[in-house]
Amino acid sequence: MEPVAERNRLADDVDLVAAGVAHREDRLDDDEALTWVAVDGGDLVGYAAASVESSAPAFAAGDRLHVGELYVREPYRGEGVAGDLCDRVDAAAAARGCERVTLDVDAGNERARAFYEKRGFDVARHRMVDRVDEK
């Protein structure tokens, strides 16, 4: 993902596998955190991770299921894996009574944006980023 956005560069000062496992283990105790994993013959193909987010009570909007991560390994892209993962997300959102599914996508990731638009996602807001360490 680094070619899409520099902020996606992998850290070079941590054990990536251990850090990833620890991050996932922390989410196991959170009832609002959901993760789906796609495998092919025991090999990781992709995954999706989402969390239920509640709107502030002052707003009429209901809960949403926010996809924080959706990833499919390169050899499996275009094979329907992302669609299958999104179907699981949609089903979980409906089962939990969420009104909508949300996600963030890098502005430069045209392939992902086209995929999400094809699935019916619309741009509802723009997230703007300001680097604190560059001030």
N, C-alpha and C. Protein backbone atom coordinates (compact mmCIF):
# COMPACT_ATOMS: atom_id res chain seq x y z
N MET A 1 0.81 -1.20 0.00
CA MET A 1 0.00 0.00 0.00
C MET A 1 0.85 1.27 0.00
N GLU A 2 2.13 1.14 0.27
CA GLU A 2 2.98 2.32 0.27
C GLU A 2 2.96 3.08 -1.05
N PRO A 3 2.91 2.40 -2.20
CA PRO A 3 2.85 3.17 -3.45
C PRO A 3 1.61 4.06 -3.57
N VAL A 4 0.55 3.71 -2.85
CA VAL A 4 -0.67 4.51 -2.89
C VAL A 4 -0.56 5.73 -1.99
N ALA A 5 0.03 5.54 -0.80
CA ALA A 5 0.17 6.64 0.16
C ALA A 5 1.37 6.36 1.06
N GLU A 6 2.25 7.31 1.19
CA GLU A 6 3.48 7.16 1.98
C GLU A 6 3.17 6.74 3.42
N ARG A 7 2.04 7.17 3.96
CA ARG A 7 1.71 6.82 5.35
C ARG A 7 1.48 5.33 5.52
N ASN A 8 1.35 4.60 4.42
CA ASN A 8 1.17 3.15 4.48
C ASN A 8 2.49 2.38 4.49
N ARG A 9 3.59 3.11 4.57
CA ARG A 9 4.90 2.46 4.61
C ARG A 9 4.99 1.62 5.87
N LEU A 10 5.50 0.40 5.74
CA LEU A 10 5.64 -0.48 6.89
C LEU A 10 6.76 0.00 7.80
N ALA A 11 6.55 -0.17 9.09
CA ALA A 11 7.56 0.21 10.07
C ALA A 11 8.77 -0.71 9.91
N ASP A 12 9.95 -0.16 10.09
CA ASP A 12 11.15 -0.99 9.98
C ASP A 12 11.79 -1.27 11.33
N ASP A 13 11.14 -0.84 12.41
CA ASP A 13 11.72 -1.03 13.73
C ASP A 13 10.87 -1.94 14.63
N VAL A 14 9.96 -2.72 14.01
CA VAL A 14 9.15 -3.65 14.78
C VAL A 14 9.08 -4.99 14.05
N ASP A 15 8.78 -6.03 14.80
CA ASP A 15 8.50 -7.34 14.21
C ASP A 15 7.07 -7.26 13.68
N LEU A 16 6.90 -7.19 12.37
CA LEU A 16 5.60 -6.95 11.77
C LEU A 16 4.59 -8.04 12.12
N VAL A 17 5.00 -9.28 12.14
CA VAL A 17 4.07 -10.36 12.46
C VAL A 17 3.65 -10.27 13.92
N ALA A 18 4.59 -10.12 14.82
CA ALA A 18 4.26 -10.04 16.25
C ALA A 18 3.37 -8.83 16.54
N ALA A 19 3.68 -7.71 15.93
CA ALA A 19 2.87 -6.50 16.13
C ALA A 19 1.46 -6.70 15.60
N GLY A 20 1.35 -7.35 14.44
CA GLY A 20 0.03 -7.60 13.86
C GLY A 20 -0.79 -8.54 14.72
N VAL A 21 -0.16 -9.59 15.22
CA VAL A 21 -0.86 -10.54 16.08
C VAL A 21 -1.31 -9.85 17.36
N ALA A 22 -0.45 -9.07 17.98
CA ALA A 22 -0.80 -8.36 19.22
C ALA A 22 -1.97 -7.41 18.98
N HIS A 23 -1.94 -6.72 17.86
CA HIS A 23 -3.03 -5.78 17.52
C HIS A 23 -4.35 -6.53 17.41
N ARG A 24 -4.35 -7.67 16.75
CA ARG A 24 -5.57 -8.47 16.58
C ARG A 24 -6.02 -9.06 17.92
N GLU A 25 -5.08 -9.53 18.74
CA GLU A 25 -5.44 -10.11 20.04
C GLU A 25 -6.12 -9.07 20.92
N ASP A 26 -5.66 -7.82 20.86
CA ASP A 26 -6.27 -6.76 21.66
C ASP A 26 -7.74 -6.57 21.29
N ARG A 27 -8.08 -6.83 20.04
CA ARG A 27 -9.46 -6.64 19.57
C ARG A 27 -10.38 -7.80 19.96
N LEU A 28 -9.83 -8.94 20.37
CA LEU A 28 -10.65 -10.10 20.68
C LEU A 28 -11.61 -9.86 21.84
N ASP A 29 -11.23 -9.04 22.80
CA ASP A 29 -12.07 -8.77 23.96
C ASP A 29 -13.09 -7.66 23.72
N ASP A 30 -13.07 -7.05 22.55
CA ASP A 30 -13.97 -5.95 22.22
C ASP A 30 -15.17 -6.51 21.45
N ASP A 31 -16.35 -6.49 22.09
CA ASP A 31 -17.55 -7.05 21.46
C ASP A 31 -17.97 -6.28 20.21
N GLU A 32 -17.53 -5.06 20.08
CA GLU A 32 -17.91 -4.25 18.92
C GLU A 32 -16.90 -4.36 17.77
N ALA A 33 -15.81 -5.08 17.97
CA ALA A 33 -14.79 -5.25 16.94
C ALA A 33 -14.98 -6.60 16.25
N LEU A 34 -15.02 -6.57 14.94
CA LEU A 34 -15.25 -7.78 14.15
C LEU A 34 -14.14 -7.93 13.13
N THR A 35 -13.74 -9.18 12.88
CA THR A 35 -12.71 -9.45 11.88
C THR A 35 -13.11 -10.69 11.10
N TRP A 36 -12.94 -10.63 9.78
CA TRP A 36 -13.17 -11.76 8.90
C TRP A 36 -11.88 -12.04 8.17
N VAL A 37 -11.57 -13.31 8.00
CA VAL A 37 -10.33 -13.72 7.35
C VAL A 37 -10.68 -14.63 6.17
N ALA A 38 -10.06 -14.38 5.03
CA ALA A 38 -10.22 -15.22 3.85
C ALA A 38 -8.94 -16.04 3.69
N VAL A 39 -9.10 -17.34 3.53
CA VAL A 39 -7.95 -18.22 3.36
C VAL A 39 -8.13 -19.09 2.13
N ASP A 40 -7.03 -19.55 1.61
CA ASP A 40 -7.01 -20.47 0.46
C ASP A 40 -5.99 -21.55 0.79
N GLY A 41 -6.47 -22.74 1.12
CA GLY A 41 -5.56 -23.84 1.45
C GLY A 41 -4.65 -23.54 2.62
N GLY A 42 -5.11 -22.78 3.59
CA GLY A 42 -4.31 -22.43 4.75
C GLY A 42 -3.50 -21.16 4.59
N ASP A 43 -3.48 -20.57 3.39
CA ASP A 43 -2.76 -19.32 3.17
C ASP A 43 -3.70 -18.13 3.34
N LEU A 44 -3.22 -17.10 4.01
CA LEU A 44 -4.00 -15.88 4.16
C LEU A 44 -4.18 -15.22 2.80
N VAL A 45 -5.42 -14.96 2.44
CA VAL A 45 -5.75 -14.32 1.17
C VAL A 45 -6.10 -12.86 1.41
N GLY A 46 -6.83 -12.60 2.48
CA GLY A 46 -7.25 -11.23 2.80
C GLY A 46 -8.00 -11.21 4.11
N TYR A 47 -8.38 -10.01 4.53
CA TYR A 47 -9.15 -9.87 5.76
C TYR A 47 -9.88 -8.54 5.75
N ALA A 48 -10.87 -8.44 6.59
CA ALA A 48 -11.59 -7.19 6.84
C ALA A 48 -11.75 -7.05 8.34
N ALA A 49 -11.60 -5.86 8.84
CA ALA A 49 -11.80 -5.57 10.26
C ALA A 49 -12.71 -4.35 10.37
N ALA A 50 -13.70 -4.45 11.23
CA ALA A 50 -14.68 -3.37 11.37
C ALA A 50 -15.10 -3.24 12.83
N SER A 51 -15.64 -2.09 13.17
CA SER A 51 -16.12 -1.83 14.52
C SER A 51 -17.42 -1.06 14.46
N VAL A 52 -18.32 -1.37 15.37
CA VAL A 52 -19.56 -0.62 15.49
C VAL A 52 -19.25 0.72 16.11
N GLU A 53 -19.76 1.78 15.50
CA GLU A 53 -19.60 3.13 16.02
C GLU A 53 -20.97 3.75 16.20
N SER A 54 -21.21 4.32 17.36
CA SER A 54 -22.48 4.96 17.65
C SER A 54 -22.40 6.45 17.36
N SER A 55 -23.49 6.98 16.86
CA SER A 55 -23.58 8.43 16.66
C SER A 55 -23.88 9.08 18.00
N ALA A 56 -23.50 10.32 18.13
CA ALA A 56 -23.82 11.07 19.35
C ALA A 56 -25.34 11.15 19.48
N PRO A 57 -25.87 11.09 20.70
CA PRO A 57 -27.32 11.08 20.89
C PRO A 57 -28.03 12.31 20.33
N ALA A 58 -27.30 13.41 20.14
CA ALA A 58 -27.91 14.63 19.62
C ALA A 58 -28.29 14.50 18.15
N PHE A 59 -27.77 13.49 17.46
CA PHE A 59 -28.04 13.32 16.05
C PHE A 59 -29.03 12.18 15.82
N ALA A 60 -29.80 12.28 14.75
CA ALA A 60 -30.81 11.27 14.44
C ALA A 60 -30.21 10.04 13.76
N ALA A 61 -28.95 10.12 13.38
CA ALA A 61 -28.31 8.99 12.68
C ALA A 61 -28.12 7.82 13.64
N GLY A 62 -28.33 6.63 13.13
CA GLY A 62 -28.14 5.43 13.93
C GLY A 62 -26.69 4.96 13.89
N ASP A 63 -26.47 3.80 14.47
CA ASP A 63 -25.13 3.23 14.50
C ASP A 63 -24.64 2.90 13.09
N ARG A 64 -23.33 2.80 12.97
CA ARG A 64 -22.72 2.41 11.69
C ARG A 64 -21.65 1.37 11.99
N LEU A 65 -21.38 0.55 11.00
CA LEU A 65 -20.27 -0.39 11.09
C LEU A 65 -19.16 0.20 10.23
N HIS A 66 -18.06 0.58 10.88
CA HIS A 66 -16.96 1.23 10.17
C HIS A 66 -15.87 0.22 9.87
N VAL A 67 -15.57 0.08 8.59
CA VAL A 67 -14.50 -0.81 8.15
C VAL A 67 -13.18 -0.05 8.28
N GLY A 68 -12.36 -0.48 9.20
CA GLY A 68 -11.07 0.17 9.42
C GLY A 68 -9.99 -0.41 8.53
N GLU A 69 -10.17 -1.67 8.13
CA GLU A 69 -9.17 -2.33 7.29
C GLU A 69 -9.86 -3.32 6.36
N LEU A 70 -9.47 -3.29 5.12
CA LEU A 70 -9.87 -4.30 4.15
C LEU A 70 -8.66 -4.51 3.25
N TYR A 71 -8.19 -5.74 3.22
CA TYR A 71 -6.97 -6.02 2.47
C TYR A 71 -7.10 -7.37 1.78
N VAL A 72 -6.68 -7.40 0.52
CA VAL A 72 -6.61 -8.64 -0.24
C VAL A 72 -5.22 -8.71 -0.87
N ARG A 73 -4.55 -9.85 -0.70
CA ARG A 73 -3.21 -10.01 -1.28
C ARG A 73 -3.27 -9.91 -2.79
N GLU A 74 -2.23 -9.36 -3.35
CA GLU A 74 -2.16 -9.06 -4.79
C GLU A 74 -2.61 -10.21 -5.70
N PRO A 75 -2.13 -11.43 -5.52
CA PRO A 75 -2.52 -12.49 -6.47
C PRO A 75 -4.03 -12.79 -6.48
N TYR A 76 -4.74 -12.37 -5.43
CA TYR A 76 -6.16 -12.68 -5.29
C TYR A 76 -7.06 -11.49 -5.63
N ARG A 77 -6.49 -10.36 -5.94
CA ARG A 77 -7.30 -9.18 -6.28
C ARG A 77 -8.01 -9.41 -7.60
N GLY A 78 -9.24 -8.97 -7.67
CA GLY A 78 -10.04 -9.16 -8.87
C GLY A 78 -10.70 -10.53 -8.94
N GLU A 79 -10.57 -11.33 -7.89
CA GLU A 79 -11.12 -12.69 -7.87
C GLU A 79 -12.40 -12.81 -7.04
N GLY A 80 -12.90 -11.69 -6.51
CA GLY A 80 -14.13 -11.71 -5.73
C GLY A 80 -13.94 -11.78 -4.23
N VAL A 81 -12.70 -11.85 -3.78
CA VAL A 81 -12.45 -11.96 -2.34
C VAL A 81 -12.93 -10.71 -1.60
N ALA A 82 -12.60 -9.54 -2.10
CA ALA A 82 -13.02 -8.30 -1.45
C ALA A 82 -14.54 -8.20 -1.40
N GLY A 83 -15.20 -8.62 -2.47
CA GLY A 83 -16.66 -8.62 -2.49
C GLY A 83 -17.23 -9.55 -1.45
N ASP A 84 -16.64 -10.75 -1.31
CA ASP A 84 -17.10 -11.69 -0.29
C ASP A 84 -16.92 -11.12 1.11
N LEU A 85 -15.77 -10.48 1.35
CA LEU A 85 -15.54 -9.86 2.66
C LEU A 85 -16.55 -8.75 2.91
N CYS A 86 -16.81 -7.93 1.90
CA CYS A 86 -17.79 -6.85 2.05
C CYS A 86 -19.19 -7.40 2.29
N ASP A 87 -19.53 -8.53 1.67
CA ASP A 87 -20.82 -9.17 1.94
C ASP A 87 -20.94 -9.56 3.40
N ARG A 88 -19.85 -10.07 3.97
CA ARG A 88 -19.84 -10.42 5.41
C ARG A 88 -20.03 -9.18 6.28
N VAL A 89 -19.36 -8.10 5.89
CA VAL A 89 -19.50 -6.84 6.63
C VAL A 89 -20.95 -6.36 6.57
N ASP A 90 -21.54 -6.38 5.38
CA ASP A 90 -22.93 -5.94 5.22
C ASP A 90 -23.88 -6.77 6.08
N ALA A 91 -23.68 -8.09 6.07
CA ALA A 91 -24.54 -8.97 6.88
C ALA A 91 -24.39 -8.68 8.37
N ALA A 92 -23.16 -8.44 8.80
CA ALA A 92 -22.94 -8.12 10.22
C ALA A 92 -23.57 -6.79 10.58
N ALA A 93 -23.48 -5.82 9.69
CA ALA A 93 -24.09 -4.51 9.94
C ALA A 93 -25.61 -4.67 10.10
N ALA A 94 -26.22 -5.42 9.21
CA ALA A 94 -27.67 -5.63 9.29
C ALA A 94 -28.03 -6.37 10.58
N ALA A 95 -27.27 -7.40 10.92
CA ALA A 95 -27.56 -8.19 12.13
C ALA A 95 -27.44 -7.36 13.40
N ARG A 96 -26.57 -6.36 13.38
CA ARG A 96 -26.37 -5.52 14.55
C ARG A 96 -27.25 -4.27 14.53
N GLY A 97 -28.10 -4.15 13.53
CA GLY A 97 -29.01 -3.01 13.45
C GLY A 97 -28.35 -1.70 13.02
N CYS A 98 -27.21 -1.79 12.38
CA CYS A 98 -26.53 -0.57 11.91
C CYS A 98 -27.25 -0.02 10.68
N GLU A 99 -27.29 1.30 10.59
CA GLU A 99 -27.94 1.95 9.46
C GLU A 99 -27.07 1.97 8.21
N ARG A 100 -25.76 1.94 8.41
CA ARG A 100 -24.87 2.08 7.26
C ARG A 100 -23.50 1.48 7.57
N VAL A 101 -22.76 1.27 6.49
CA VAL A 101 -21.36 0.84 6.57
C VAL A 101 -20.53 2.00 6.06
N THR A 102 -19.45 2.31 6.78
CA THR A 102 -18.56 3.39 6.36
C THR A 102 -17.14 2.86 6.26
N LEU A 103 -16.31 3.59 5.54
CA LEU A 103 -14.89 3.26 5.45
C LEU A 103 -14.15 4.46 4.92
N ASP A 104 -12.85 4.45 5.07
CA ASP A 104 -11.97 5.46 4.50
C ASP A 104 -11.17 4.78 3.40
N VAL A 105 -10.90 5.50 2.34
CA VAL A 105 -10.08 4.97 1.27
C VAL A 105 -9.11 6.07 0.86
N ASP A 106 -7.85 5.70 0.64
CA ASP A 106 -6.87 6.69 0.22
C ASP A 106 -7.31 7.35 -1.08
N ALA A 107 -7.20 8.66 -1.14
CA ALA A 107 -7.64 9.42 -2.31
C ALA A 107 -6.97 8.94 -3.59
N GLY A 108 -5.73 8.50 -3.50
CA GLY A 108 -5.00 8.06 -4.68
C GLY A 108 -5.21 6.59 -5.06
N ASN A 109 -5.99 5.88 -4.28
CA ASN A 109 -6.21 4.46 -4.55
C ASN A 109 -7.43 4.31 -5.47
N GLU A 110 -7.21 4.56 -6.74
CA GLU A 110 -8.30 4.58 -7.71
C GLU A 110 -8.97 3.22 -7.84
N ARG A 111 -8.20 2.15 -7.78
CA ARG A 111 -8.79 0.82 -7.91
C ARG A 111 -9.76 0.54 -6.76
N ALA A 112 -9.35 0.85 -5.54
CA ALA A 112 -10.22 0.63 -4.39
C ALA A 112 -11.44 1.54 -4.46
N ARG A 113 -11.24 2.81 -4.83
CA ARG A 113 -12.36 3.73 -4.92
C ARG A 113 -13.38 3.22 -5.94
N ALA A 114 -12.92 2.74 -7.09
CA ALA A 114 -13.83 2.22 -8.11
C ALA A 114 -14.58 1.00 -7.59
N PHE A 115 -13.89 0.14 -6.85
CA PHE A 115 -14.53 -1.05 -6.28
C PHE A 115 -15.65 -0.65 -5.33
N TYR A 116 -15.35 0.28 -4.41
CA TYR A 116 -16.35 0.69 -3.43
C TYR A 116 -17.53 1.40 -4.10
N GLU A 117 -17.25 2.23 -5.08
CA GLU A 117 -18.33 2.92 -5.79
C GLU A 117 -19.23 1.91 -6.51
N LYS A 118 -18.64 0.89 -7.09
CA LYS A 118 -19.41 -0.16 -7.76
C LYS A 118 -20.32 -0.88 -6.77
N ARG A 119 -19.88 -1.00 -5.53
CA ARG A 119 -20.68 -1.65 -4.49
C ARG A 119 -21.74 -0.73 -3.92
N GLY A 120 -21.74 0.55 -4.33
CA GLY A 120 -22.79 1.47 -3.88
C GLY A 120 -22.35 2.49 -2.85
N PHE A 121 -21.08 2.51 -2.50
CA PHE A 121 -20.59 3.53 -1.57
C PHE A 121 -20.58 4.89 -2.26
N ASP A 122 -20.98 5.91 -1.53
CA ASP A 122 -20.93 7.29 -2.01
C ASP A 122 -19.99 8.08 -1.11
N VAL A 123 -19.41 9.12 -1.67
CA VAL A 123 -18.59 10.02 -0.86
C VAL A 123 -19.55 10.87 -0.03
N ALA A 124 -19.43 10.75 1.29
CA ALA A 124 -20.31 11.49 2.19
C ALA A 124 -19.56 12.59 2.92
N ARG A 125 -18.27 12.49 2.98
CA ARG A 125 -17.45 13.51 3.63
C ARG A 125 -16.02 13.33 3.17
N HIS A 126 -15.24 14.32 3.39
CA HIS A 126 -13.81 14.24 3.07
C HIS A 126 -13.04 14.30 4.38
N ARG A 127 -12.16 13.35 4.59
CA ARG A 127 -11.29 13.38 5.76
C ARG A 127 -10.04 14.12 5.35
N MET A 128 -9.69 15.13 6.10
CA MET A 128 -8.49 15.92 5.81
C MET A 128 -7.44 15.60 6.86
N VAL A 129 -6.19 15.59 6.45
CA VAL A 129 -5.10 15.19 7.32
C VAL A 129 -4.08 16.30 7.39
N ASP A 130 -3.62 16.57 8.60
CA ASP A 130 -2.56 17.56 8.83
C ASP A 130 -1.50 16.89 9.67
N ARG A 131 -0.29 16.87 9.17
CA ARG A 131 0.83 16.22 9.88
C ARG A 131 1.33 17.13 10.99
N VAL A 132 1.19 16.71 12.23
CA VAL A 132 1.60 17.48 13.39
C VAL A 132 3.13 17.60 13.43
N ASP A 133 3.84 16.55 13.06
CA ASP A 133 5.30 16.56 13.17
C ASP A 133 5.97 17.42 12.10
N GLU A 134 5.21 17.98 11.19
CA GLU A 134 5.80 18.82 10.15
C GLU A 134 5.56 20.30 10.42
N LYS A 135 5.17 20.65 11.61
CA LYS A 135 4.90 22.05 11.94
C LYS A 135 6.05 22.64 12.74
